[in-house]
Amino acid sequence: MKIMTDKQFREEMEKAMWERDRFRDIGERCDRLEKRMWEMEDRLRRLENVGATPVNDCALKMETTRNG
């Protein structure tokens, strides 16, 4: 066990608490991103079920230009 002064102990505790909060924030962001990923996958599945297919933006622009 390491012997520390009160000041060193407080500094180590503050550092540990900051890191804990940082990792908690990262975890929450990961959870939100994972939820969003699942929502996008569900949306893609619904689009596929109605027969929608991805369209190339360039092809879409050419088609709209050609049709006026």
Protein backbone atom coordinates (compact mmCIF):
# COMPACT_ATOMS: atom_id res chain seq x y z
CA MET A 1 0.00 0.00 0.00
CA LYS A 2 1.28 3.45 -0.95
CA ILE A 3 1.55 6.06 1.79
CA MET A 4 0.31 9.50 0.68
CA THR A 5 -0.21 12.90 2.17
CA ASP A 6 -3.75 14.22 2.45
CA LYS A 7 -3.11 16.49 -0.52
CA GLN A 8 -1.84 13.61 -2.67
CA PHE A 9 -4.83 11.51 -1.62
CA ARG A 10 -7.29 14.29 -2.57
CA GLU A 11 -5.56 14.77 -5.93
CA GLU A 12 -5.72 11.04 -6.66
CA MET A 13 -9.40 10.93 -5.64
CA GLU A 14 -10.23 13.93 -7.85
CA LYS A 15 -8.41 12.33 -10.76
CA ALA A 16 -10.21 9.01 -10.23
CA MET A 17 -13.60 10.74 -9.99
CA TRP A 18 -12.90 12.75 -13.15
CA GLU A 19 -11.93 9.58 -15.03
CA ARG A 20 -15.02 7.77 -13.72
CA ASP A 21 -17.27 10.61 -14.91
CA ARG A 22 -15.48 10.71 -18.26
CA PHE A 23 -15.97 6.99 -18.84
CA ARG A 24 -19.60 7.25 -17.73
CA ASP A 25 -20.13 10.01 -20.33
CA ILE A 26 -18.45 7.89 -23.01
CA GLY A 27 -20.65 4.93 -22.04
CA GLU A 28 -23.79 7.06 -22.27
CA ARG A 29 -22.76 8.31 -25.72
CA CYS A 30 -22.12 4.74 -26.84
CA ASP A 31 -25.56 3.72 -25.59
CA ARG A 32 -27.19 6.58 -27.52
CA LEU A 33 -25.25 5.70 -30.68
CA GLU A 34 -26.19 2.04 -30.36
CA LYS A 35 -29.85 2.99 -29.92
CA ARG A 36 -29.67 5.21 -32.99
CA MET A 37 -27.99 2.42 -34.98
CA TRP A 38 -30.85 0.06 -34.09
CA GLU A 39 -33.39 2.71 -35.10
CA MET A 40 -31.66 3.16 -38.48
CA GLU A 41 -31.55 -0.61 -39.03
CA ASP A 42 -35.28 -0.83 -38.24
CA ARG A 43 -35.95 2.03 -40.63
CA LEU A 44 -33.95 0.30 -43.40
CA ARG A 45 -35.81 -2.95 -42.77
CA ARG A 46 -39.17 -1.15 -43.06
CA LEU A 47 -38.06 0.53 -46.30
CA GLU A 48 -36.93 -2.81 -47.72
CA ASN A 49 -40.29 -4.33 -46.78
CA VAL A 50 -42.14 -1.78 -48.93
CA GLY A 51 -39.78 -2.39 -51.86
CA ALA A 52 -37.70 0.77 -51.58
CA THR A 53 -34.18 0.60 -52.99
CA PRO A 54 -31.23 2.93 -52.41
CA VAL A 55 -30.80 5.55 -55.13
CA ASN A 56 -27.51 7.01 -56.24
CA ASP A 57 -27.64 10.80 -55.71
CA CYS A 58 -25.93 11.49 -59.05
CA ALA A 59 -28.40 9.31 -60.91
CA LEU A 60 -31.26 11.04 -59.12
CA LYS A 61 -29.93 14.49 -60.09
CA MET A 62 -29.49 13.42 -63.71
CA GLU A 63 -33.02 12.02 -63.78
CA THR A 64 -34.56 15.20 -62.34
CA THR A 65 -32.52 17.34 -64.76
CA ARG A 66 -33.58 15.21 -67.70
CA ASN A 67 -37.25 15.39 -66.71
CA GLY A 68 -37.17 19.13 -66.29
